[in-house]
Amino acid sequence: MNVSQMVQLGKMLDIYGSMLTEKQFKILNSYINFNGSLSEIAEELNISRQAVADLVKRALDRLKFFESKLHFCEKIDKLKSEYSMLIDKSLLTEKQKQQIEVIYQKLIKILEE
């Protein structure tokens, strides 16, 4: 997996992680956010490398399924892009831009919870 794919999976894990089992979340979090190898995770949890590989695959499939149905990551990315374009091309004062930024950050936080 390349870096942009890992970043996208990290976003999906942040958004949909609570929909995974506790074990799936723990393993996927170690794999994605801490760059843990299958062997390292297996040793840490005292399970086989193959069990970790199976859990990672199932958890990734679930994340991708949730995104394919709900499109939250896609919507958040679109919102961020549109926000950047709006702010860059606006004739707002710096104070107004800062106020909009505060509202925008609150909105993103709500969407990601």
PDB file of N, CA and C in Angstrom:
ATOM      1  N   MET A   1       0.830  -1.182   0.000  1.00  0.00           N
ATOM      2  CA  MET A   1       0.000   0.000   0.000  1.00  0.00           C
ATOM      3  C   MET A   1       0.872   1.242   0.000  1.00  0.00           C
ATOM      4  N   ASN A   2       0.451   2.240  -0.773  1.00  0.00           N
ATOM      5  CA  ASN A   2       1.232   3.474  -0.791  1.00  0.00           C
ATOM      6  C   ASN A   2       0.751   4.425   0.312  1.00  0.00           C
ATOM      7  N   VAL A   3       1.429   5.536   0.466  1.00  0.00           N
ATOM      8  CA  VAL A   3       1.166   6.462   1.559  1.00  0.00           C
ATOM      9  C   VAL A   3      -0.240   7.050   1.467  1.00  0.00           C
ATOM     10  N   SER A   4      -0.672   7.454   0.282  1.00  0.00           N
ATOM     11  CA  SER A   4      -2.003   8.064   0.167  1.00  0.00           C
ATOM     12  C   SER A   4      -3.110   7.059   0.498  1.00  0.00           C
ATOM     13  N   GLN A   5      -2.900   5.798   0.169  1.00  0.00           N
ATOM     14  CA  GLN A   5      -3.881   4.763   0.531  1.00  0.00           C
ATOM     15  C   GLN A   5      -3.929   4.589   2.048  1.00  0.00           C
ATOM     16  N   MET A   6      -2.760   4.607   2.685  1.00  0.00           N
ATOM     17  CA  MET A   6      -2.712   4.475   4.148  1.00  0.00           C
ATOM     18  C   MET A   6      -3.383   5.672   4.818  1.00  0.00           C
ATOM     19  N   VAL A   7      -3.178   6.868   4.264  1.00  0.00           N
ATOM     20  CA  VAL A   7      -3.825   8.059   4.812  1.00  0.00           C
ATOM     21  C   VAL A   7      -5.338   7.931   4.691  1.00  0.00           C
ATOM     22  N   GLN A   8      -5.804   7.483   3.529  1.00  0.00           N
ATOM     23  CA  GLN A   8      -7.242   7.306   3.317  1.00  0.00           C
ATOM     24  C   GLN A   8      -7.809   6.254   4.277  1.00  0.00           C
ATOM     25  N   LEU A   9      -7.085   5.170   4.465  1.00  0.00           N
ATOM     26  CA  LEU A   9      -7.533   4.140   5.409  1.00  0.00           C
ATOM     27  C   LEU A   9      -7.549   4.675   6.839  1.00  0.00           C
ATOM     28  N   GLY A  10      -6.586   5.515   7.166  1.00  0.00           N
ATOM     29  CA  GLY A  10      -6.564   6.148   8.484  1.00  0.00           C
ATOM     30  C   GLY A  10      -7.794   7.014   8.707  1.00  0.00           C
ATOM     31  N   LYS A  11      -8.187   7.754   7.673  1.00  0.00           N
ATOM     32  CA  LYS A  11      -9.403   8.567   7.762  1.00  0.00           C
ATOM     33  C   LYS A  11     -10.623   7.675   7.970  1.00  0.00           C
ATOM     34  N   MET A  12     -10.689   6.605   7.206  1.00  0.00           N
ATOM     35  CA  MET A  12     -11.830   5.697   7.336  1.00  0.00           C
ATOM     36  C   MET A  12     -11.855   5.066   8.729  1.00  0.00           C
ATOM     37  N   LEU A  13     -10.679   4.732   9.249  1.00  0.00           N
ATOM     38  CA  LEU A  13     -10.615   4.150  10.584  1.00  0.00           C
ATOM     39  C   LEU A  13     -11.102   5.157  11.627  1.00  0.00           C
ATOM     40  N   ASP A  14     -10.725   6.423  11.464  1.00  0.00           N
ATOM     41  CA  ASP A  14     -11.191   7.455  12.385  1.00  0.00           C
ATOM     42  C   ASP A  14     -12.715   7.569  12.353  1.00  0.00           C
ATOM     43  N   ILE A  15     -13.273   7.501  11.176  1.00  0.00           N
ATOM     44  CA  ILE A  15     -14.718   7.701  11.027  1.00  0.00           C
ATOM     45  C   ILE A  15     -15.515   6.451  11.382  1.00  0.00           C
ATOM     46  N   TYR A  16     -15.092   5.311  10.882  1.00  0.00           N
ATOM     47  CA  TYR A  16     -15.877   4.081  11.028  1.00  0.00           C
ATOM     48  C   TYR A  16     -15.322   3.100  12.060  1.00  0.00           C
ATOM     49  N   GLY A  17     -14.236   3.469  12.715  1.00  0.00           N
ATOM     50  CA  GLY A  17     -13.580   2.549  13.643  1.00  0.00           C
ATOM     51  C   GLY A  17     -14.482   2.016  14.739  1.00  0.00           C
ATOM     52  N   SER A  18     -15.412   2.838  15.192  1.00  0.00           N
ATOM     53  CA  SER A  18     -16.308   2.393  16.261  1.00  0.00           C
ATOM     54  C   SER A  18     -17.283   1.314  15.794  1.00  0.00           C
ATOM     55  N   MET A  19     -17.348   1.098  14.481  1.00  0.00           N
ATOM     56  CA  MET A  19     -18.238   0.080  13.932  1.00  0.00           C
ATOM     57  C   MET A  19     -17.532  -1.270  13.787  1.00  0.00           C
ATOM     58  N   LEU A  20     -16.246  -1.297  14.102  1.00  0.00           N
ATOM     59  CA  LEU A  20     -15.474  -2.536  14.087  1.00  0.00           C
ATOM     60  C   LEU A  20     -15.519  -3.167  15.476  1.00  0.00           C
ATOM     61  N   THR A  21     -15.148  -4.446  15.551  1.00  0.00           N
ATOM     62  CA  THR A  21     -15.002  -5.053  16.867  1.00  0.00           C
ATOM     63  C   THR A  21     -13.795  -4.419  17.547  1.00  0.00           C
ATOM     64  N   GLU A  22     -13.726  -4.561  18.848  1.00  0.00           N
ATOM     65  CA  GLU A  22     -12.605  -3.997  19.598  1.00  0.00           C
ATOM     66  C   GLU A  22     -11.272  -4.561  19.095  1.00  0.00           C
ATOM     67  N   LYS A  23     -11.247  -5.861  18.832  1.00  0.00           N
ATOM     68  CA  LYS A  23     -10.020  -6.516  18.362  1.00  0.00           C
ATOM     69  C   LYS A  23      -9.648  -6.026  16.961  1.00  0.00           C
ATOM     70  N   GLN A  24     -10.643  -5.918  16.068  1.00  0.00           N
ATOM     71  CA  GLN A  24     -10.368  -5.424  14.725  1.00  0.00           C
ATOM     72  C   GLN A  24      -9.814  -4.003  14.788  1.00  0.00           C
ATOM     73  N   PHE A  25     -10.435  -3.168  15.614  1.00  0.00           N
ATOM     74  CA  PHE A  25      -9.974  -1.791  15.724  1.00  0.00           C
ATOM     75  C   PHE A  25      -8.539  -1.732  16.239  1.00  0.00           C
ATOM     76  N   LYS A  26      -8.249  -2.491  17.283  1.00  0.00           N
ATOM     77  CA  LYS A  26      -6.911  -2.469  17.875  1.00  0.00           C
ATOM     78  C   LYS A  26      -5.859  -2.901  16.853  1.00  0.00           C
ATOM     79  N   ILE A  27      -6.134  -3.969  16.142  1.00  0.00           N
ATOM     80  CA  ILE A  27      -5.177  -4.477  15.168  1.00  0.00           C
ATOM     81  C   ILE A  27      -5.019  -3.507  13.995  1.00  0.00           C
ATOM     82  N   LEU A  28      -6.129  -3.007  13.486  1.00  0.00           N
ATOM     83  CA  LEU A  28      -6.067  -2.099  12.348  1.00  0.00           C
ATOM     84  C   LEU A  28      -5.414  -0.777  12.734  1.00  0.00           C
ATOM     85  N   ASN A  29      -5.669  -0.307  13.936  1.00  0.00           N
ATOM     86  CA  ASN A  29      -5.029   0.914  14.417  1.00  0.00           C
ATOM     87  C   ASN A  29      -3.513   0.727  14.483  1.00  0.00           C
ATOM     88  N   SER A  30      -3.067  -0.407  15.010  1.00  0.00           N
ATOM     89  CA  SER A  30      -1.622  -0.692  15.056  1.00  0.00           C
ATOM     90  C   SER A  30      -1.042  -0.774  13.647  1.00  0.00           C
ATOM     91  N   TYR A  31      -1.771  -1.399  12.750  1.00  0.00           N
ATOM     92  CA  TYR A  31      -1.311  -1.613  11.379  1.00  0.00           C
ATOM     93  C   TYR A  31      -1.245  -0.294  10.595  1.00  0.00           C
ATOM     94  N   ILE A  32      -2.297   0.521  10.699  1.00  0.00           N
ATOM     95  CA  ILE A  32      -2.377   1.741   9.898  1.00  0.00           C
ATOM     96  C   ILE A  32      -1.663   2.913  10.559  1.00  0.00           C
ATOM     97  N   ASN A  33      -2.013   3.207  11.801  1.00  0.00           N
ATOM     98  CA  ASN A  33      -1.515   4.427  12.440  1.00  0.00           C
ATOM     99  C   ASN A  33      -0.136   4.293  13.061  1.00  0.00           C
ATOM    100  N   PHE A  34       0.262   3.072  13.396  1.00  0.00           N
ATOM    101  CA  PHE A  34       1.569   2.885  14.003  1.00  0.00           C
ATOM    102  C   PHE A  34       2.505   2.072  13.116  1.00  0.00           C
ATOM    103  N   ASN A  35       2.050   1.803  11.877  1.00  0.00           N
ATOM    104  CA  ASN A  35       2.867   1.123  10.884  1.00  0.00           C
ATOM    105  C   ASN A  35       3.415  -0.209  11.402  1.00  0.00           C
ATOM    106  N   GLY A  36       2.601  -0.901  12.200  1.00  0.00           N
ATOM    107  CA  GLY A  36       3.024  -2.183  12.738  1.00  0.00           C
ATOM    108  C   GLY A  36       2.987  -3.268  11.674  1.00  0.00           C
ATOM    109  N   SER A  37       3.980  -4.123  11.684  1.00  0.00           N
ATOM    110  CA  SER A  37       3.984  -5.248  10.751  1.00  0.00           C
ATOM    111  C   SER A  37       3.059  -6.335  11.290  1.00  0.00           C
ATOM    112  N   LEU A  38       2.647  -7.227  10.421  1.00  0.00           N
ATOM    113  CA  LEU A  38       1.789  -8.327  10.843  1.00  0.00           C
ATOM    114  C   LEU A  38       2.481  -9.150  11.931  1.00  0.00           C
ATOM    115  N   SER A  39       3.778  -9.383  11.771  1.00  0.00           N
ATOM    116  CA  SER A  39       4.541 -10.162  12.753  1.00  0.00           C
ATOM    117  C   SER A  39       4.609  -9.458  14.101  1.00  0.00           C
ATOM    118  N   GLU A  40       4.842  -8.138  14.080  1.00  0.00           N
ATOM    119  CA  GLU A  40       4.917  -7.377  15.334  1.00  0.00           C
ATOM    120  C   GLU A  40       3.580  -7.406  16.078  1.00  0.00           C
ATOM    121  N   ILE A  41       2.500  -7.214  15.330  1.00  0.00           N
ATOM    122  CA  ILE A  41       1.168  -7.221  15.942  1.00  0.00           C
ATOM    123  C   ILE A  41       0.854  -8.605  16.497  1.00  0.00           C
ATOM    124  N   ALA A  42       1.190  -9.630  15.724  1.00  0.00           N
ATOM    125  CA  ALA A  42       0.941 -11.007  16.163  1.00  0.00           C
ATOM    126  C   ALA A  42       1.690 -11.304  17.458  1.00  0.00           C
ATOM    127  N   GLU A  43       2.931 -10.890  17.520  1.00  0.00           N
ATOM    128  CA  GLU A  43       3.727 -11.123  18.727  1.00  0.00           C
ATOM    129  C   GLU A  43       3.145 -10.371  19.921  1.00  0.00           C
ATOM    130  N   GLU A  44       2.741  -9.128  19.691  1.00  0.00           N
ATOM    131  CA  GLU A  44       2.171  -8.308  20.765  1.00  0.00           C
ATOM    132  C   GLU A  44       0.885  -8.926  21.322  1.00  0.00           C
ATOM    133  N   LEU A  45       0.059  -9.492  20.439  1.00  0.00           N
ATOM    134  CA  LEU A  45      -1.228 -10.052  20.862  1.00  0.00           C
ATOM    135  C   LEU A  45      -1.171 -11.552  21.133  1.00  0.00           C
ATOM    136  N   ASN A  46       0.003 -12.123  20.901  1.00  0.00           N
ATOM    137  CA  ASN A  46       0.198 -13.554  21.121  1.00  0.00           C
ATOM    138  C   ASN A  46      -0.761 -14.410  20.275  1.00  0.00           C
ATOM    139  N   ILE A  47      -0.869 -14.027  18.997  1.00  0.00           N
ATOM    140  CA  ILE A  47      -1.648 -14.801  18.033  1.00  0.00           C
ATOM    141  C   ILE A  47      -0.791 -14.993  16.789  1.00  0.00           C
ATOM    142  N   SER A  48      -1.247 -15.827  15.879  1.00  0.00           N
ATOM    143  CA  SER A  48      -0.437 -16.103  14.694  1.00  0.00           C
ATOM    144  C   SER A  48      -0.452 -14.925  13.721  1.00  0.00           C
ATOM    145  N   ARG A  49       0.593 -14.872  12.920  1.00  0.00           N
ATOM    146  CA  ARG A  49       0.694 -13.846  11.888  1.00  0.00           C
ATOM    147  C   ARG A  49      -0.481 -13.976  10.922  1.00  0.00           C
ATOM    148  N   GLN A  50      -0.863 -15.203  10.594  1.00  0.00           N
ATOM    149  CA  GLN A  50      -1.976 -15.437   9.674  1.00  0.00           C
ATOM    150  C   GLN A  50      -3.293 -14.921  10.261  1.00  0.00           C
ATOM    151  N   ALA A  51      -3.475 -15.085  11.567  1.00  0.00           N
ATOM    152  CA  ALA A  51      -4.686 -14.566  12.218  1.00  0.00           C
ATOM    153  C   ALA A  51      -4.746 -13.045  12.112  1.00  0.00           C
ATOM    154  N   VAL A  52      -3.601 -12.400  12.279  1.00  0.00           N
ATOM    155  CA  VAL A  52      -3.543 -10.940  12.137  1.00  0.00           C
ATOM    156  C   VAL A  52      -3.860 -10.550  10.699  1.00  0.00           C
ATOM    157  N   ALA A  53      -3.270 -11.251   9.736  1.00  0.00           N
ATOM    158  CA  ALA A  53      -3.524 -10.944   8.327  1.00  0.00           C
ATOM    159  C   ALA A  53      -5.013 -11.085   8.001  1.00  0.00           C
ATOM    160  N   ASP A  54      -5.643 -12.133   8.508  1.00  0.00           N
ATOM    161  CA  ASP A  54      -7.071 -12.343   8.275  1.00  0.00           C
ATOM    162  C   ASP A  54      -7.905 -11.233   8.902  1.00  0.00           C
ATOM    163  N   LEU A  55      -7.564 -10.860  10.131  1.00  0.00           N
ATOM    164  CA  LEU A  55      -8.288  -9.788  10.816  1.00  0.00           C
ATOM    165  C   LEU A  55      -8.117  -8.452  10.104  1.00  0.00           C
ATOM    166  N   VAL A  56      -6.914  -8.161   9.645  1.00  0.00           N
ATOM    167  CA  VAL A  56      -6.662  -6.919   8.914  1.00  0.00           C
ATOM    168  C   VAL A  56      -7.501  -6.892   7.641  1.00  0.00           C
ATOM    169  N   LYS A  57      -7.495  -8.002   6.904  1.00  0.00           N
ATOM    170  CA  LYS A  57      -8.264  -8.052   5.654  1.00  0.00           C
ATOM    171  C   LYS A  57      -9.755  -7.862   5.915  1.00  0.00           C
ATOM    172  N   ARG A  58     -10.296  -8.563   6.897  1.00  0.00           N
ATOM    173  CA  ARG A  58     -11.729  -8.427   7.203  1.00  0.00           C
ATOM    174  C   ARG A  58     -12.072  -7.007   7.653  1.00  0.00           C
ATOM    175  N   ALA A  59     -11.229  -6.422   8.490  1.00  0.00           N
ATOM    176  CA  ALA A  59     -11.485  -5.071   8.997  1.00  0.00           C
ATOM    177  C   ALA A  59     -11.393  -4.040   7.867  1.00  0.00           C
ATOM    178  N   LEU A  60     -10.405  -4.196   6.992  1.00  0.00           N
ATOM    179  CA  LEU A  60     -10.288  -3.285   5.850  1.00  0.00           C
ATOM    180  C   LEU A  60     -11.498  -3.417   4.932  1.00  0.00           C
ATOM    181  N   ASP A  61     -11.942  -4.637   4.720  1.00  0.00           N
ATOM    182  CA  ASP A  61     -13.138  -4.860   3.894  1.00  0.00           C
ATOM    183  C   ASP A  61     -14.356  -4.172   4.508  1.00  0.00           C
ATOM    184  N   ARG A  62     -14.471  -4.238   5.833  1.00  0.00           N
ATOM    185  CA  ARG A  62     -15.602  -3.578   6.505  1.00  0.00           C
ATOM    186  C   ARG A  62     -15.520  -2.068   6.356  1.00  0.00           C
ATOM    187  N   LEU A  63     -14.333  -1.489   6.540  1.00  0.00           N
ATOM    188  CA  LEU A  63     -14.175  -0.041   6.376  1.00  0.00           C
ATOM    189  C   LEU A  63     -14.567   0.387   4.966  1.00  0.00           C
ATOM    190  N   LYS A  64     -14.087  -0.354   3.979  1.00  0.00           N
ATOM    191  CA  LYS A  64     -14.399  -0.029   2.587  1.00  0.00           C
ATOM    192  C   LYS A  64     -15.891  -0.185   2.301  1.00  0.00           C
ATOM    193  N   PHE A  65     -16.520  -1.182   2.916  1.00  0.00           N
ATOM    194  CA  PHE A  65     -17.954  -1.369   2.755  1.00  0.00           C
ATOM    195  C   PHE A  65     -18.713  -0.170   3.336  1.00  0.00           C
ATOM    196  N   PHE A  66     -18.348   0.245   4.550  1.00  0.00           N
ATOM    197  CA  PHE A  66     -19.016   1.386   5.170  1.00  0.00           C
ATOM    198  C   PHE A  66     -18.871   2.636   4.300  1.00  0.00           C
ATOM    199  N   GLU A  67     -17.662   2.866   3.795  1.00  0.00           N
ATOM    200  CA  GLU A  67     -17.442   4.050   2.955  1.00  0.00           C
ATOM    201  C   GLU A  67     -18.232   3.947   1.657  1.00  0.00           C
ATOM    202  N   SER A  68     -18.332   2.760   1.084  1.00  0.00           N
ATOM    203  CA  SER A  68     -19.075   2.603  -0.175  1.00  0.00           C
ATOM    204  C   SER A  68     -20.563   2.891   0.005  1.00  0.00           C
ATOM    205  N   LYS A  69     -21.075   2.680   1.207  1.00  0.00           N
ATOM    206  CA  LYS A  69     -22.494   2.928   1.481  1.00  0.00           C
ATOM    207  C   LYS A  69     -22.753   4.335   2.003  1.00  0.00           C
ATOM    208  N   LEU A  70     -21.857   4.852   2.846  1.00  0.00           N
ATOM    209  CA  LEU A  70     -22.112   6.116   3.529  1.00  0.00           C
ATOM    210  C   LEU A  70     -21.381   7.323   2.930  1.00  0.00           C
ATOM    211  N   HIS A  71     -20.227   7.097   2.334  1.00  0.00           N
ATOM    212  CA  HIS A  71     -19.442   8.136   1.657  1.00  0.00           C
ATOM    213  C   HIS A  71     -19.030   9.302   2.560  1.00  0.00           C
ATOM    214  N   PHE A  72     -18.851   9.063   3.866  1.00  0.00           N
ATOM    215  CA  PHE A  72     -18.465  10.148   4.759  1.00  0.00           C
ATOM    216  C   PHE A  72     -17.085  10.708   4.424  1.00  0.00           C
ATOM    217  N   CYS A  73     -16.118   9.862   4.156  1.00  0.00           N
ATOM    218  CA  CYS A  73     -14.765  10.342   3.817  1.00  0.00           C
ATOM    219  C   CYS A  73     -14.810  11.191   2.555  1.00  0.00           C
ATOM    220  N   GLU A  74     -15.528  10.713   1.578  1.00  0.00           N
ATOM    221  CA  GLU A  74     -15.666  11.442   0.319  1.00  0.00           C
ATOM    222  C   GLU A  74     -16.310  12.812   0.560  1.00  0.00           C
ATOM    223  N   LYS A  75     -17.357  12.844   1.375  1.00  0.00           N
ATOM    224  CA  LYS A  75     -18.056  14.101   1.659  1.00  0.00           C
ATOM    225  C   LYS A  75     -17.172  15.067   2.431  1.00  0.00           C
ATOM    226  N   ILE A  76     -16.415  14.552   3.383  1.00  0.00           N
ATOM    227  CA  ILE A  76     -15.521  15.411   4.162  1.00  0.00           C
ATOM    228  C   ILE A  76     -14.423  15.972   3.260  1.00  0.00           C
ATOM    229  N   ASP A  77     -13.846  15.144   2.402  1.00  0.00           N
ATOM    230  CA  ASP A  77     -12.813  15.614   1.470  1.00  0.00           C
ATOM    231  C   ASP A  77     -13.370  16.701   0.547  1.00  0.00           C
ATOM    232  N   LYS A  78     -14.590  16.513   0.067  1.00  0.00           N
ATOM    233  CA  LYS A  78     -15.222  17.502  -0.818  1.00  0.00           C
ATOM    234  C   LYS A  78     -15.468  18.804  -0.063  1.00  0.00           C
ATOM    235  N   LEU A  79     -15.941  18.690   1.165  1.00  0.00           N
ATOM    236  CA  LEU A  79     -16.181  19.877   1.987  1.00  0.00           C
ATOM    237  C   LEU A  79     -14.880  20.642   2.211  1.00  0.00           C
ATOM    238  N   LYS A  80     -13.812  19.938   2.534  1.00  0.00           N
ATOM    239  CA  LYS A  80     -12.515  20.582   2.754  1.00  0.00           C
ATOM    240  C   LYS A  80     -12.031  21.295   1.498  1.00  0.00           C
ATOM    241  N   SER A  81     -12.189  20.654   0.361  1.00  0.00           N
ATOM    242  CA  SER A  81     -11.765  21.244  -0.901  1.00  0.00           C
ATOM    243  C   SER A  81     -12.574  22.502  -1.222  1.00  0.00           C
ATOM    244  N   GLU A  82     -13.879  22.412  -1.073  1.00  0.00           N
ATOM    245  CA  GLU A  82     -14.733  23.564  -1.355  1.00  0.00           C
ATOM    246  C   GLU A  82     -14.459  24.704  -0.380  1.00  0.00           C
ATOM    247  N   TYR A  83     -14.207  24.367   0.871  1.00  0.00           N
ATOM    248  CA  TYR A  83     -13.879  25.379   1.867  1.00  0.00           C
ATOM    249  C   TYR A  83     -12.598  26.116   1.471  1.00  0.00           C
ATOM    250  N   SER A  84     -11.580  25.372   1.092  1.00  0.00           N
ATOM    251  CA  SER A  84     -10.301  25.988   0.711  1.00  0.00           C
ATOM    252  C   SER A  84     -10.473  26.929  -0.477  1.00  0.00           C
ATOM    253  N   MET A  85     -11.243  26.480  -1.465  1.00  0.00           N
ATOM    254  CA  MET A  85     -11.485  27.336  -2.636  1.00  0.00           C
ATOM    255  C   MET A  85     -12.227  28.608  -2.235  1.00  0.00           C
ATOM    256  N   LEU A  86     -13.222  28.476  -1.390  1.00  0.00           N
ATOM    257  CA  LEU A  86     -14.015  29.618  -0.952  1.00  0.00           C
ATOM    258  C   LEU A  86     -13.146  30.635  -0.219  1.00  0.00           C
ATOM    259  N   ILE A  87     -12.356  30.166   0.712  1.00  0.00           N
ATOM    260  CA  ILE A  87     -11.509  31.068   1.496  1.00  0.00           C
ATOM    261  C   ILE A  87     -10.439  31.720   0.623  1.00  0.00           C
ATOM    262  N   ASP A  88      -9.829  30.952  -0.265  1.00  0.00           N
ATOM    263  CA  ASP A  88      -8.770  31.482  -1.120  1.00  0.00           C
ATOM    264  C   ASP A  88      -9.280  32.572  -2.057  1.00  0.00           C
ATOM    265  N   LYS A  89     -10.504  32.431  -2.525  1.00  0.00           N
ATOM    266  CA  LYS A  89     -11.032  33.363  -3.527  1.00  0.00           C
ATOM    267  C   LYS A  89     -11.940  34.437  -2.933  1.00  0.00           C
ATOM    268  N   SER A  90     -12.078  34.465  -1.642  1.00  0.00           N
ATOM    269  CA  SER A  90     -13.009  35.408  -1.021  1.00  0.00           C
ATOM    270  C   SER A  90     -12.367  36.773  -0.799  1.00  0.00           C
ATOM    271  N   LEU A  91     -13.228  37.729  -0.597  1.00  0.00           N
ATOM    272  CA  LEU A  91     -12.781  39.088  -0.301  1.00  0.00           C
ATOM    273  C   LEU A  91     -12.995  39.405   1.182  1.00  0.00           C
ATOM    274  N   LEU A  92     -12.973  38.377   1.988  1.00  0.00           N
ATOM    275  CA  LEU A  92     -13.198  38.539   3.414  1.00  0.00           C
ATOM    276  C   LEU A  92     -11.971  39.110   4.103  1.00  0.00           C
ATOM    277  N   THR A  93     -12.213  39.761   5.228  1.00  0.00           N
ATOM    278  CA  THR A  93     -11.095  40.230   6.039  1.00  0.00           C
ATOM    279  C   THR A  93     -10.477  39.026   6.738  1.00  0.00           C
ATOM    280  N   GLU A  94      -9.297  39.204   7.276  1.00  0.00           N
ATOM    281  CA  GLU A  94      -8.641  38.114   8.000  1.00  0.00           C
ATOM    282  C   GLU A  94      -9.465  37.687   9.210  1.00  0.00           C
ATOM    283  N   LYS A  95     -10.079  38.643   9.876  1.00  0.00           N
ATOM    284  CA  LYS A  95     -10.904  38.324  11.043  1.00  0.00           C
ATOM    285  C   LYS A  95     -12.099  37.476  10.622  1.00  0.00           C
ATOM    286  N   GLN A  96     -12.731  37.809   9.520  1.00  0.00           N
ATOM    287  CA  GLN A  96     -13.867  37.030   9.022  1.00  0.00           C
ATOM    288  C   GLN A  96     -13.421  35.616   8.632  1.00  0.00           C
ATOM    289  N   LYS A  97     -12.267  35.537   8.002  1.00  0.00           N
ATOM    290  CA  LYS A  97     -11.732  34.227   7.623  1.00  0.00           C
ATOM    291  C   LYS A  97     -11.472  33.371   8.861  1.00  0.00           C
ATOM    292  N   GLN A  98     -10.954  33.983   9.911  1.00  0.00           N
ATOM    293  CA  GLN A  98     -10.697  33.257  11.155  1.00  0.00           C
ATOM    294  C   GLN A  98     -11.999  32.772  11.788  1.00  0.00           C
ATOM    295  N   GLN A  99     -13.029  33.601  11.746  1.00  0.00           N
ATOM    296  CA  GLN A  99     -14.327  33.213  12.298  1.00  0.00           C
ATOM    297  C   GLN A  99     -14.911  32.035  11.507  1.00  0.00           C
ATOM    298  N   ILE A 100     -14.792  32.097  10.205  1.00  0.00           N
ATOM    299  CA  ILE A 100     -15.273  31.000   9.363  1.00  0.00           C
ATOM    300  C   ILE A 100     -14.464  29.738   9.629  1.00  0.00           C
ATOM    301  N   GLU A 101     -13.167  29.891   9.843  1.00  0.00           N
ATOM    302  CA  GLU A 101     -12.301  28.750  10.142  1.00  0.00           C
ATOM    303  C   GLU A 101     -12.750  28.048  11.421  1.00  0.00           C
ATOM    304  N   VAL A 102     -13.118  28.795  12.445  1.00  0.00           N
ATOM    305  CA  VAL A 102     -13.583  28.216  13.713  1.00  0.00           C
ATOM    306  C   VAL A 102     -14.855  27.403  13.466  1.00  0.00           C
ATOM    307  N   ILE A 103     -15.782  27.965  12.732  1.00  0.00           N
ATOM    308  CA  ILE A 103     -17.036  27.261  12.418  1.00  0.00           C
ATOM    309  C   ILE A 103     -16.750  26.014  11.590  1.00  0.00           C
ATOM    310  N   TYR A 104     -15.870  26.153  10.616  1.00  0.00           N
ATOM    311  CA  TYR A 104     -15.500  25.024   9.749  1.00  0.00           C
ATOM    312  C   TYR A 104     -14.889  23.888  10.561  1.00  0.00           C
ATOM    313  N   GLN A 105     -13.980  24.198  11.479  1.00  0.00           N
ATOM    314  CA  GLN A 105     -13.338  23.170  12.298  1.00  0.00           C
ATOM    315  C   GLN A 105     -14.356  22.453  13.187  1.00  0.00           C
ATOM    316  N   LYS A 106     -15.321  23.193  13.714  1.00  0.00           N
ATOM    317  CA  LYS A 106     -16.377  22.577  14.515  1.00  0.00           C
ATOM    318  C   LYS A 106     -17.210  21.626  13.666  1.00  0.00           C
ATOM    319  N   LEU A 107     -17.512  22.036  12.452  1.00  0.00           N
ATOM    320  CA  LEU A 107     -18.290  21.193  11.538  1.00  0.00           C
ATOM    321  C   LEU A 107     -17.538  19.916  11.197  1.00  0.00           C
ATOM    322  N   ILE A 108     -16.265  20.029  10.887  1.00  0.00           N
ATOM    323  CA  ILE A 108     -15.457  18.856  10.562  1.00  0.00           C
ATOM    324  C   ILE A 108     -15.406  17.911  11.773  1.00  0.00           C
ATOM    325  N   LYS A 109     -15.247  18.465  12.958  1.00  0.00           N
ATOM    326  CA  LYS A 109     -15.196  17.637  14.161  1.00  0.00           C
ATOM    327  C   LYS A 109     -16.505  16.861  14.345  1.00  0.00           C
ATOM    328  N   ILE A 110     -17.631  17.524  14.121  1.00  0.00           N
ATOM    329  CA  ILE A 110     -18.930  16.868  14.230  1.00  0.00           C
ATOM    330  C   ILE A 110     -19.061  15.754  13.212  1.00  0.00           C
ATOM    331  N   LEU A 111     -18.648  16.019  11.984  1.00  0.00           N
ATOM    332  CA  LEU A 111     -18.748  15.013  10.925  1.00  0.00           C
ATOM    333  C   LEU A 111     -17.868  13.795  11.199  1.00  0.00           C
ATOM    334  N   GLU A 112     -16.734  14.011  11.839  1.00  0.00           N
ATOM    335  CA  GLU A 112     -15.798  12.916  12.078  1.00  0.00           C
ATOM    336  C   GLU A 112     -16.093  12.135  13.351  1.00  0.00           C
ATOM    337  N   GLU A 113     -17.025  12.589  14.156  1.00  0.00           N
ATOM    338  CA  GLU A 113     -17.355  11.878  15.405  1.00  0.00           C
ATOM    339  C   GLU A 113     -18.242  10.697  15.137  1.00  0.00           C
TER     340      GLU A 113
END
